[in-house]
Amino acid sequence: MAKSNNYISVIITAYNRRQYVLDALKSTTEQSLSRQLYEIIIVKNFRDTNIDAFAEEYNVINIYSENETLSGKIIEAIGIARGNILCFLDDDDMFYREKLEYVLNKFKESNNLCYLHNNFTAIDRDGKPLSYYNRNPDFNMSSISIRREIINGEAFGNVSKSIDTLIYLYAKESGMELEIDSRELTYYRVTDQSVTHSFTDFNSFIEFSHNSLNIILNSYIQMLSIFHSRETLGILKHKISFTRIRLNIFGGKTAGFKDYLVLLYTPTLESRSYEIKVSIASLFMRKYSVMKLYKNEKMKQEAK
């Protein structure tokens, strides 16, 4: 598909979940930016009468995909996208009305800008504001806008998890400009759907958490073959060591003394104080930490 300059392709991805998809779609069709300057592509693994009818009515490109990975669905969308600027949106998140206009103006101001990460408003299942601590520059796909050219499609499709981090590292590796913007332009919905449906008791919670962290760790290790710059590899190695330390809390026994040293001497995107707390927990407070995490998740289940 031929690319258009100063044109945005919004890529919405959904896998099994459909509860908030219409809200996500409506937030993209009701933008202040003219529809002549952007397109909307949704990639999902299900058909839904209401969602599909809405997509047809509002000229949304509707792709049915059996690809289970987020990266695979994004690659499918990029294959038909016309925009040189890509904005991502998860199925349960939403854009502020002025987001796309703001993003387009930012990229028009600087031809060297390749990555824009906007701030977000965290909301609960009902759309009520929440406080949320994670403001890392590689966190939340729905806050990320990029120049299409920085993604290596073949390597991108081989990574199954932590795609927001992967895109951030592509941007760092490019040598182009990155901007971390404090303006809130995205609604990030905090739900417990994916976690609380994945365990029934304490032991299954430990197993679920251990397996989830292992998948993330393996994705980071896969990324080592993609990047080459010292700065990018430093960030990635830090994430690998920190994930190993987190795994230790759940009995992973994957972290060694070197991993704790890496946390001290390599660049981080996390809060240092948070990393220190997790490191202490992995060494001296494993049982207490796991039980506290489990109780927090059980409380979420019982509140439903």
C-alpha atoms as a PDB file:
ATOM      1  CA  MET A   1       0.000   0.000   0.000  1.00  0.00           C
ATOM      2  CA  ALA A   2       1.403   3.400  -0.986  1.00  0.00           C
ATOM      3  CA  LYS A   3       2.204   5.625   1.979  1.00  0.00           C
ATOM      4  CA  SER A   4       0.888   9.180   2.347  1.00  0.00           C
ATOM      5  CA  ASN A   5       2.935  11.891   4.051  1.00  0.00           C
ATOM      6  CA  ASN A   6       1.434  13.624   7.098  1.00  0.00           C
ATOM      7  CA  TYR A   7      -1.307  11.026   7.229  1.00  0.00           C
ATOM      8  CA  ILE A   8      -2.166   8.938  10.292  1.00  0.00           C
ATOM      9  CA  SER A   9      -3.141   5.283  10.426  1.00  0.00           C
ATOM     10  CA  VAL A  10      -4.852   4.409  13.708  1.00  0.00           C
ATOM     11  CA  ILE A  11      -4.404   0.709  14.490  1.00  0.00           C
ATOM     12  CA  ILE A  12      -6.862  -0.820  16.980  1.00  0.00           C
ATOM     13  CA  THR A  13      -6.218  -4.389  18.109  1.00  0.00           C
ATOM     14  CA  ALA A  14      -8.629  -6.730  19.896  1.00  0.00           C
ATOM     15  CA  TYR A  15      -8.240 -10.371  20.905  1.00  0.00           C
ATOM     16  CA  ASN A  16     -11.344 -12.060  22.358  1.00  0.00           C
ATOM     17  CA  ARG A  17     -12.390  -8.979  24.336  1.00  0.00           C
ATOM     18  CA  ARG A  18     -15.252  -6.943  22.885  1.00  0.00           C
ATOM     19  CA  GLN A  19     -16.782  -5.148  25.884  1.00  0.00           C
ATOM     20  CA  TYR A  20     -15.125  -1.775  25.232  1.00  0.00           C
ATOM     21  CA  VAL A  21     -14.368  -1.971  21.508  1.00  0.00           C
ATOM     22  CA  LEU A  22     -17.203   0.358  20.496  1.00  0.00           C
ATOM     23  CA  ASP A  23     -15.966   2.956  22.992  1.00  0.00           C
ATOM     24  CA  ALA A  24     -12.485   2.705  21.491  1.00  0.00           C
ATOM     25  CA  LEU A  25     -13.844   3.032  17.951  1.00  0.00           C
ATOM     26  CA  LYS A  26     -16.070   5.992  18.804  1.00  0.00           C
ATOM     27  CA  SER A  27     -13.124   7.824  20.334  1.00  0.00           C
ATOM     28  CA  THR A  28     -11.318   7.584  16.989  1.00  0.00           C
ATOM     29  CA  THR A  29     -14.267   8.569  14.785  1.00  0.00           C
ATOM     30  CA  GLU A  30     -15.088  11.637  16.908  1.00  0.00           C
ATOM     31  CA  GLN A  31     -11.680  13.294  16.585  1.00  0.00           C
ATOM     32  CA  SER A  32     -11.172  17.022  15.993  1.00  0.00           C
ATOM     33  CA  LEU A  33      -8.863  16.121  13.090  1.00  0.00           C
ATOM     34  CA  SER A  34     -10.462  15.856   9.643  1.00  0.00           C
ATOM     35  CA  ARG A  35     -11.078  12.264   8.516  1.00  0.00           C
ATOM     36  CA  GLN A  36      -9.298  13.177   5.301  1.00  0.00           C
ATOM     37  CA  LEU A  37      -6.070  13.156   7.320  1.00  0.00           C
ATOM     38  CA  TYR A  38      -6.369   9.770   8.994  1.00  0.00           C
ATOM     39  CA  GLU A  39      -7.716   6.242   8.598  1.00  0.00           C
ATOM     40  CA  ILE A  40      -8.850   3.715  11.186  1.00  0.00           C
ATOM     41  CA  ILE A  41      -7.925   0.034  11.026  1.00  0.00           C
ATOM     42  CA  ILE A  42      -9.231  -2.530  13.497  1.00  0.00           C
ATOM     43  CA  VAL A  43      -7.738  -6.027  13.681  1.00  0.00           C
ATOM     44  CA  LYS A  44      -9.675  -8.584  15.749  1.00  0.00           C
ATOM     45  CA  ASN A  45     -10.190 -12.333  16.007  1.00  0.00           C
ATOM     46  CA  PHE A  46     -13.984 -12.267  16.215  1.00  0.00           C
ATOM     47  CA  ARG A  47     -17.022 -11.047  14.346  1.00  0.00           C
ATOM     48  CA  ASP A  48     -19.613  -8.954  16.146  1.00  0.00           C
ATOM     49  CA  THR A  49     -22.810  -7.588  14.607  1.00  0.00           C
ATOM     50  CA  ASN A  50     -22.740  -4.225  16.390  1.00  0.00           C
ATOM     51  CA  ILE A  51     -19.011  -3.619  16.071  1.00  0.00           C
ATOM     52  CA  ASP A  52     -18.906  -4.662  12.411  1.00  0.00           C
ATOM     53  CA  ALA A  53     -21.930  -2.498  11.568  1.00  0.00           C
ATOM     54  CA  PHE A  54     -20.308   0.496  13.259  1.00  0.00           C
ATOM     55  CA  ALA A  55     -17.060  -0.114  11.379  1.00  0.00           C
ATOM     56  CA  GLU A  56     -18.894  -0.216   8.051  1.00  0.00           C
ATOM     57  CA  GLU A  57     -20.927   2.915   8.805  1.00  0.00           C
ATOM     58  CA  TYR A  58     -17.861   4.958   9.765  1.00  0.00           C
ATOM     59  CA  ASN A  59     -15.529   3.692   7.051  1.00  0.00           C
ATOM     60  CA  VAL A  60     -13.290   1.725   9.406  1.00  0.00           C
ATOM     61  CA  ILE A  61     -11.080  -0.902   7.779  1.00  0.00           C
ATOM     62  CA  ASN A  62     -12.161  -4.101   9.536  1.00  0.00           C
ATOM     63  CA  ILE A  63      -9.707  -7.019   9.480  1.00  0.00           C
ATOM     64  CA  TYR A  64     -10.564 -10.457  10.813  1.00  0.00           C
ATOM     65  CA  SER A  65      -7.364 -12.130  12.005  1.00  0.00           C
ATOM     66  CA  GLU A  66      -6.549 -15.483  13.588  1.00  0.00           C
ATOM     67  CA  ASN A  67      -3.132 -14.214  14.671  1.00  0.00           C
ATOM     68  CA  GLU A  68      -2.891 -14.546  18.446  1.00  0.00           C
ATOM     69  CA  THR A  69       0.029 -12.157  18.979  1.00  0.00           C
ATOM     70  CA  LEU A  70      -0.227  -8.388  19.196  1.00  0.00           C
ATOM     71  CA  SER A  71       2.817  -7.984  16.951  1.00  0.00           C
ATOM     72  CA  GLY A  72       1.258 -10.238  14.316  1.00  0.00           C
ATOM     73  CA  LYS A  73      -1.963  -8.228  14.268  1.00  0.00           C
ATOM     74  CA  ILE A  74      -0.015  -4.969  14.015  1.00  0.00           C
ATOM     75  CA  ILE A  75       2.003  -6.313  11.069  1.00  0.00           C
ATOM     76  CA  GLU A  76      -1.242  -7.230   9.292  1.00  0.00           C
ATOM     77  CA  ALA A  77      -2.532  -3.694   9.787  1.00  0.00           C
ATOM     78  CA  ILE A  78       0.728  -2.073   8.681  1.00  0.00           C
ATOM     79  CA  GLY A  79       0.574  -4.157   5.506  1.00  0.00           C
ATOM     80  CA  ILE A  80      -2.479  -2.215   4.323  1.00  0.00           C
ATOM     81  CA  ALA A  81      -1.947   1.075   6.176  1.00  0.00           C
ATOM     82  CA  ARG A  82      -1.524   4.247   4.104  1.00  0.00           C
ATOM     83  CA  GLY A  83      -0.165   6.479   6.853  1.00  0.00           C
ATOM     84  CA  ASN A  84       3.444   7.387   7.494  1.00  0.00           C
ATOM     85  CA  ILE A  85       2.446   7.987  11.135  1.00  0.00           C
ATOM     86  CA  LEU A  86       1.042   5.111  13.199  1.00  0.00           C
ATOM     87  CA  CYS A  87      -1.065   5.526  16.349  1.00  0.00           C
ATOM     88  CA  PHE A  88      -1.956   2.449  18.376  1.00  0.00           C
ATOM     89  CA  LEU A  89      -5.062   1.852  20.474  1.00  0.00           C
ATOM     90  CA  ASP A  90      -5.902  -1.148  22.652  1.00  0.00           C
ATOM     91  CA  ASP A  91      -9.489  -2.383  22.544  1.00  0.00           C
ATOM     92  CA  ASP A  92     -10.326  -1.170  26.063  1.00  0.00           C
ATOM     93  CA  ASP A  93      -8.658   2.264  25.859  1.00  0.00           C
ATOM     94  CA  MET A  94      -9.793   5.536  24.281  1.00  0.00           C
ATOM     95  CA  PHE A  95      -8.334   8.676  22.719  1.00  0.00           C
ATOM     96  CA  TYR A  96      -9.049  12.220  23.817  1.00  0.00           C
ATOM     97  CA  ARG A  97     -10.921  14.088  21.087  1.00  0.00           C
ATOM     98  CA  GLU A  98      -7.898  16.261  20.206  1.00  0.00           C
ATOM     99  CA  LYS A  99      -5.292  13.485  20.240  1.00  0.00           C
ATOM    100  CA  LEU A 100      -4.808  12.900  16.508  1.00  0.00           C
ATOM    101  CA  GLU A 101      -4.732  16.610  15.687  1.00  0.00           C
ATOM    102  CA  TYR A 102      -2.087  17.113  18.377  1.00  0.00           C
ATOM    103  CA  VAL A 103      -0.029  14.134  17.178  1.00  0.00           C
ATOM    104  CA  LEU A 104      -0.112  15.201  13.532  1.00  0.00           C
ATOM    105  CA  ASN A 105       1.026  18.726  14.403  1.00  0.00           C
ATOM    106  CA  LYS A 106       3.914  17.359  16.468  1.00  0.00           C
ATOM    107  CA  PHE A 107       5.188  15.209  13.606  1.00  0.00           C
ATOM    108  CA  LYS A 108       4.754  18.054  11.122  1.00  0.00           C
ATOM    109  CA  GLU A 109       6.838  20.336  13.349  1.00  0.00           C
ATOM    110  CA  SER A 110       9.852  18.006  13.212  1.00  0.00           C
ATOM    111  CA  ASN A 111      10.780  15.639  10.402  1.00  0.00           C
ATOM    112  CA  ASN A 112      13.275  14.057  12.801  1.00  0.00           C
ATOM    113  CA  LEU A 113      10.635  13.074  15.361  1.00  0.00           C
ATOM    114  CA  CYS A 114      10.051   9.310  15.223  1.00  0.00           C
ATOM    115  CA  TYR A 115       8.399   8.531  18.570  1.00  0.00           C
ATOM    116  CA  LEU A 116       5.816  10.433  20.584  1.00  0.00           C
ATOM    117  CA  HIS A 117       4.577   9.107  23.917  1.00  0.00           C
ATOM    118  CA  ASN A 118       1.734  11.086  25.432  1.00  0.00           C
ATOM    119  CA  ASN A 119       0.590  10.941  29.029  1.00  0.00           C
ATOM    120  CA  PHE A 120      -2.679   9.224  29.922  1.00  0.00           C
ATOM    121  CA  THR A 121      -5.625   9.347  32.284  1.00  0.00           C
ATOM    122  CA  ALA A 122      -6.103   6.017  34.045  1.00  0.00           C
ATOM    123  CA  ILE A 123      -9.742   4.950  34.390  1.00  0.00           C
ATOM    124  CA  ASP A 124     -11.554   1.959  35.860  1.00  0.00           C
ATOM    125  CA  ARG A 125     -14.063  -0.345  34.146  1.00  0.00           C
ATOM    126  CA  ASP A 126     -16.761   2.331  34.474  1.00  0.00           C
ATOM    127  CA  GLY A 127     -14.610   5.182  33.181  1.00  0.00           C
ATOM    128  CA  LYS A 128     -13.918   6.728  36.595  1.00  0.00           C
ATOM    129  CA  PRO A 129     -10.429   8.276  37.056  1.00  0.00           C
ATOM    130  CA  LEU A 130      -7.786   6.322  38.973  1.00  0.00           C
ATOM    131  CA  SER A 131      -4.322   7.099  40.223  1.00  0.00           C
ATOM    132  CA  TYR A 132      -1.742   4.990  38.410  1.00  0.00           C
ATOM    133  CA  TYR A 133       1.994   4.896  38.976  1.00  0.00           C
ATOM    134  CA  ASN A 134       3.493   3.563  35.727  1.00  0.00           C
ATOM    135  CA  ARG A 135       4.575   6.535  33.628  1.00  0.00           C
ATOM    136  CA  ASN A 136       7.483   4.846  31.871  1.00  0.00           C
ATOM    137  CA  PRO A 137       8.203   6.125  28.335  1.00  0.00           C
ATOM    138  CA  ASP A 138       7.773   2.616  26.898  1.00  0.00           C
ATOM    139  CA  PHE A 139       4.520   1.823  28.699  1.00  0.00           C
ATOM    140  CA  ASN A 140       1.014   1.669  27.180  1.00  0.00           C
ATOM    141  CA  MET A 141       0.606   1.078  23.446  1.00  0.00           C
ATOM    142  CA  SER A 142      -2.331   3.495  23.378  1.00  0.00           C
ATOM    143  CA  SER A 143       0.023   6.361  24.269  1.00  0.00           C
ATOM    144  CA  ILE A 144       2.490   5.619  21.458  1.00  0.00           C
ATOM    145  CA  SER A 145       2.684   7.263  18.018  1.00  0.00           C
ATOM    146  CA  ILE A 146       5.575   6.532  15.650  1.00  0.00           C
ATOM    147  CA  ARG A 147       6.911   7.025  12.167  1.00  0.00           C
ATOM    148  CA  ARG A 148       6.146   3.865  10.278  1.00  0.00           C
ATOM    149  CA  GLU A 149       9.667   3.638   8.831  1.00  0.00           C
ATOM    150  CA  ILE A 150      11.356   2.761  12.141  1.00  0.00           C
ATOM    151  CA  ILE A 151       9.735  -0.700  12.394  1.00  0.00           C
ATOM    152  CA  ASN A 152      11.506  -3.718  10.945  1.00  0.00           C
ATOM    153  CA  GLY A 153       8.520  -5.870  10.047  1.00  0.00           C
ATOM    154  CA  GLU A 154      10.280  -9.236   9.878  1.00  0.00           C
ATOM    155  CA  ALA A 155      11.975  -8.944  13.276  1.00  0.00           C
ATOM    156  CA  PHE A 156       8.951  -7.210  14.803  1.00  0.00           C
ATOM    157  CA  GLY A 157       6.665 -10.138  14.059  1.00  0.00           C
ATOM    158  CA  ASN A 158       8.934 -12.568  15.911  1.00  0.00           C
ATOM    159  CA  VAL A 159       8.374 -10.941  19.324  1.00  0.00           C
ATOM    160  CA  SER A 160       5.173 -11.911  21.131  1.00  0.00           C
ATOM    161  CA  LYS A 161       5.146  -9.758  24.298  1.00  0.00           C
ATOM    162  CA  SER A 162       6.235  -6.306  25.539  1.00  0.00           C
ATOM    163  CA  ILE A 163       5.541  -4.761  22.137  1.00  0.00           C
ATOM    164  CA  ASP A 164       5.434  -1.258  23.615  1.00  0.00           C
ATOM    165  CA  THR A 165       9.017  -1.715  24.826  1.00  0.00           C
ATOM    166  CA  LEU A 166      10.031  -3.155  21.449  1.00  0.00           C
ATOM    167  CA  ILE A 167       8.701  -0.080  19.622  1.00  0.00           C
ATOM    168  CA  TYR A 168      10.430   2.256  22.073  1.00  0.00           C
ATOM    169  CA  LEU A 169      13.739   0.462  21.490  1.00  0.00           C
ATOM    170  CA  TYR A 170      13.285   0.699  17.707  1.00  0.00           C
ATOM    171  CA  ALA A 171      12.933   4.445  18.181  1.00  0.00           C
ATOM    172  CA  LYS A 172      16.052   4.653  20.379  1.00  0.00           C
ATOM    173  CA  GLU A 173      18.024   2.598  17.871  1.00  0.00           C
ATOM    174  CA  SER A 174      16.990   4.853  14.976  1.00  0.00           C
ATOM    175  CA  GLY A 175      18.984   7.819  16.254  1.00  0.00           C
ATOM    176  CA  MET A 176      16.009  10.060  15.566  1.00  0.00           C
ATOM    177  CA  GLU A 177      14.140  12.259  18.033  1.00  0.00           C
ATOM    178  CA  LEU A 178      11.873  10.884  20.763  1.00  0.00           C
ATOM    179  CA  GLU A 179       9.434  13.037  22.710  1.00  0.00           C
ATOM    180  CA  ILE A 180       7.847  12.098  26.027  1.00  0.00           C
ATOM    181  CA  ASP A 181       4.916  14.488  26.296  1.00  0.00           C
ATOM    182  CA  SER A 182       3.212  15.275  29.605  1.00  0.00           C
ATOM    183  CA  ARG A 183      -0.102  16.106  27.952  1.00  0.00           C
ATOM    184  CA  GLU A 184      -2.845  13.557  28.682  1.00  0.00           C
ATOM    185  CA  LEU A 185      -4.332  12.403  25.378  1.00  0.00           C
ATOM    186  CA  THR A 186      -5.299   8.799  26.125  1.00  0.00           C
ATOM    187  CA  TYR A 187      -7.682   7.083  28.515  1.00  0.00           C
ATOM    188  CA  TYR A 188      -5.935   3.961  29.827  1.00  0.00           C
ATOM    189  CA  ARG A 189      -8.425   1.496  31.272  1.00  0.00           C
ATOM    190  CA  VAL A 190      -7.151  -0.475  34.255  1.00  0.00           C
ATOM    191  CA  THR A 191      -8.988  -3.801  34.420  1.00  0.00           C
ATOM    192  CA  ASP A 192      -8.337  -7.088  36.171  1.00  0.00           C
ATOM    193  CA  GLN A 193      -9.910  -9.181  33.441  1.00  0.00           C
ATOM    194  CA  SER A 194      -6.770 -10.859  32.120  1.00  0.00           C
ATOM    195  CA  VAL A 195      -5.308 -11.632  35.556  1.00  0.00           C
ATOM    196  CA  THR A 196      -8.198 -12.655  37.775  1.00  0.00           C
ATOM    197  CA  HIS A 197      -9.595 -15.118  35.252  1.00  0.00           C
ATOM    198  CA  SER A 198      -6.248 -16.903  35.099  1.00  0.00           C
ATOM    199  CA  PHE A 199      -5.995 -18.314  38.636  1.00  0.00           C
ATOM    200  CA  THR A 200      -8.323 -19.843  41.214  1.00  0.00           C
ATOM    201  CA  ASP A 201      -6.113 -20.254  44.287  1.00  0.00           C
ATOM    202  CA  PHE A 202      -2.732 -19.291  45.725  1.00  0.00           C
ATOM    203  CA  ASN A 203      -0.761 -21.983  43.886  1.00  0.00           C
ATOM    204  CA  SER A 204      -2.325 -21.220  40.514  1.00  0.00           C
ATOM    205  CA  PHE A 205      -1.630 -17.511  41.108  1.00  0.00           C
ATOM    206  CA  ILE A 206       2.065 -18.281  41.606  1.00  0.00           C
ATOM    207  CA  GLU A 207       2.079 -20.462  38.486  1.00  0.00           C
ATOM    208  CA  PHE A 208       0.299 -17.810  36.405  1.00  0.00           C
ATOM    209  CA  SER A 209       2.632 -15.020  37.568  1.00  0.00           C
ATOM    210  CA  HIS A 210       5.728 -17.157  36.999  1.00  0.00           C
ATOM    211  CA  ASN A 211       4.636 -18.160  33.492  1.00  0.00           C
ATOM    212  CA  SER A 212       3.702 -14.580  32.549  1.00  0.00           C
ATOM    213  CA  LEU A 213       7.084 -13.224  33.648  1.00  0.00           C
ATOM    214  CA  ASN A 214       8.863 -16.046  31.810  1.00  0.00           C
ATOM    215  CA  ILE A 215       7.107 -15.083  28.574  1.00  0.00           C
ATOM    216  CA  ILE A 216       8.141 -11.449  29.058  1.00  0.00           C
ATOM    217  CA  LEU A 217      11.722 -12.504  29.831  1.00  0.00           C
ATOM    218  CA  ASN A 218      11.919 -14.622  26.680  1.00  0.00           C
ATOM    219  CA  SER A 219      10.618 -11.700  24.601  1.00  0.00           C
ATOM    220  CA  TYR A 220      13.353  -9.439  25.967  1.00  0.00           C
ATOM    221  CA  ILE A 221      15.963 -12.095  25.208  1.00  0.00           C
ATOM    222  CA  GLN A 222      14.613 -12.337  21.636  1.00  0.00           C
ATOM    223  CA  MET A 223      15.075  -8.587  21.262  1.00  0.00           C
ATOM    224  CA  LEU A 224      18.828  -8.869  21.928  1.00  0.00           C
ATOM    225  CA  SER A 225      19.343 -10.070  18.349  1.00  0.00           C
ATOM    226  CA  ILE A 226      17.463  -7.075  16.917  1.00  0.00           C
ATOM    227  CA  PHE A 227      19.379  -4.158  18.438  1.00  0.00           C
ATOM    228  CA  HIS A 228      23.028  -3.140  18.336  1.00  0.00           C
ATOM    229  CA  SER A 229      23.621   0.279  19.897  1.00  0.00           C
ATOM    230  CA  ARG A 230      25.200   0.385  23.342  1.00  0.00           C
ATOM    231  CA  GLU A 231      22.408   2.519  24.817  1.00  0.00           C
ATOM    232  CA  THR A 232      19.592   0.338  23.497  1.00  0.00           C
ATOM    233  CA  LEU A 233      21.256  -2.890  24.593  1.00  0.00           C
ATOM    234  CA  GLY A 234      21.925  -1.358  28.015  1.00  0.00           C
ATOM    235  CA  ILE A 235      18.220  -0.632  28.501  1.00  0.00           C
ATOM    236  CA  LEU A 236      17.311  -4.111  27.292  1.00  0.00           C
ATOM    237  CA  LYS A 237      19.833  -5.894  29.511  1.00  0.00           C
ATOM    238  CA  HIS A 238      18.516  -3.925  32.461  1.00  0.00           C
ATOM    239  CA  LYS A 239      14.988  -5.125  31.711  1.00  0.00           C
ATOM    240  CA  ILE A 240      16.198  -8.718  31.419  1.00  0.00           C
ATOM    241  CA  SER A 241      17.929  -8.582  34.797  1.00  0.00           C
ATOM    242  CA  PHE A 242      14.987  -6.872  36.487  1.00  0.00           C
ATOM    243  CA  THR A 243      12.562  -9.462  35.101  1.00  0.00           C
ATOM    244  CA  ARG A 244      14.800 -12.254  36.424  1.00  0.00           C
ATOM    245  CA  ILE A 245      14.731 -10.592  39.837  1.00  0.00           C
ATOM    246  CA  ARG A 246      10.935 -10.343  39.700  1.00  0.00           C
ATOM    247  CA  LEU A 247      10.812 -14.033  38.787  1.00  0.00           C
ATOM    248  CA  ASN A 248      12.786 -14.811  41.942  1.00  0.00           C
ATOM    249  CA  ILE A 249       9.841 -13.596  44.010  1.00  0.00           C
ATOM    250  CA  PHE A 250       7.741 -16.399  42.503  1.00  0.00           C
ATOM    251  CA  GLY A 251      10.404 -19.061  43.002  1.00  0.00           C
ATOM    252  CA  GLY A 252      12.030 -18.685  39.600  1.00  0.00           C
ATOM    253  CA  LYS A 253      15.630 -18.815  40.892  1.00  0.00           C
ATOM    254  CA  THR A 254      16.728 -17.108  37.674  1.00  0.00           C
ATOM    255  CA  ALA A 255      18.525 -14.044  39.064  1.00  0.00           C
ATOM    256  CA  GLY A 256      22.168 -14.085  40.063  1.00  0.00           C
ATOM    257  CA  PHE A 257      24.468 -11.553  41.715  1.00  0.00           C
ATOM    258  CA  LYS A 258      25.261 -10.100  38.287  1.00  0.00           C
ATOM    259  CA  ASP A 259      21.612  -9.187  37.727  1.00  0.00           C
ATOM    260  CA  TYR A 260      21.562  -7.065  40.881  1.00  0.00           C
ATOM    261  CA  LEU A 261      24.743  -5.310  39.703  1.00  0.00           C
ATOM    262  CA  VAL A 262      23.176  -4.657  36.298  1.00  0.00           C
ATOM    263  CA  LEU A 263      20.351  -2.759  38.011  1.00  0.00           C
ATOM    264  CA  LEU A 264      22.908  -0.407  39.532  1.00  0.00           C
ATOM    265  CA  TYR A 265      25.056   0.256  36.470  1.00  0.00           C
ATOM    266  CA  THR A 266      22.761   0.278  33.430  1.00  0.00           C
ATOM    267  CA  PRO A 267      20.116   2.826  32.338  1.00  0.00           C
ATOM    268  CA  THR A 268      16.570   2.182  33.489  1.00  0.00           C
ATOM    269  CA  LEU A 269      13.105   3.263  32.394  1.00  0.00           C
ATOM    270  CA  GLU A 270      11.665   2.256  35.758  1.00  0.00           C
ATOM    271  CA  SER A 271      11.591   4.098  39.076  1.00  0.00           C
ATOM    272  CA  ARG A 272      14.823   3.348  40.962  1.00  0.00           C
ATOM    273  CA  SER A 273      12.955   3.227  44.266  1.00  0.00           C
ATOM    274  CA  TYR A 274      10.523   0.668  42.808  1.00  0.00           C
ATOM    275  CA  GLU A 275      13.410  -1.488  41.585  1.00  0.00           C
ATOM    276  CA  ILE A 276      15.063  -1.350  45.004  1.00  0.00           C
ATOM    277  CA  LYS A 277      11.835  -2.452  46.726  1.00  0.00           C
ATOM    278  CA  VAL A 278      11.401  -5.361  44.310  1.00  0.00           C
ATOM    279  CA  SER A 279      15.050  -6.376  44.712  1.00  0.00           C
ATOM    280  CA  ILE A 280      14.746  -6.415  48.508  1.00  0.00           C
ATOM    281  CA  ALA A 281      11.528  -8.422  48.245  1.00  0.00           C
ATOM    282  CA  SER A 282      13.201 -10.974  45.956  1.00  0.00           C
ATOM    283  CA  LEU A 283      16.014 -11.492  48.455  1.00  0.00           C
ATOM    284  CA  PHE A 284      14.371 -11.310  51.864  1.00  0.00           C
ATOM    285  CA  MET A 285      10.568 -11.088  51.613  1.00  0.00           C
ATOM    286  CA  ARG A 286       9.443 -13.533  48.935  1.00  0.00           C
ATOM    287  CA  LYS A 287       6.677 -15.299  50.852  1.00  0.00           C
ATOM    288  CA  TYR A 288       5.272 -12.055  52.273  1.00  0.00           C
ATOM    289  CA  SER A 289       5.397 -10.309  48.882  1.00  0.00           C
ATOM    290  CA  VAL A 290       3.687 -13.130  46.996  1.00  0.00           C
ATOM    291  CA  MET A 291       0.946 -13.413  49.610  1.00  0.00           C
ATOM    292  CA  LYS A 292       0.349  -9.651  49.500  1.00  0.00           C
ATOM    293  CA  LEU A 293       0.103  -9.686  45.695  1.00  0.00           C
ATOM    294  CA  TYR A 294      -2.255 -12.660  45.830  1.00  0.00           C
ATOM    295  CA  LYS A 295      -4.540 -10.984  48.379  1.00  0.00           C
ATOM    296  CA  ASN A 296      -4.682  -7.830  46.245  1.00  0.00           C
ATOM    297  CA  GLU A 297      -5.778  -9.822  43.193  1.00  0.00           C
ATOM    298  CA  LYS A 298      -8.335 -11.811  45.211  1.00  0.00           C
ATOM    299  CA  MET A 299      -9.836  -8.557  46.459  1.00  0.00           C
ATOM    300  CA  LYS A 300     -10.269  -7.469  42.837  1.00  0.00           C
ATOM    301  CA  GLN A 301     -12.042 -10.744  42.071  1.00  0.00           C
ATOM    302  CA  GLU A 302     -14.396 -10.425  45.018  1.00  0.00           C
ATOM    303  CA  ALA A 303     -15.228  -6.801  44.172  1.00  0.00           C
ATOM    304  CA  LYS A 304     -16.584  -7.797  40.763  1.00  0.00           C
END
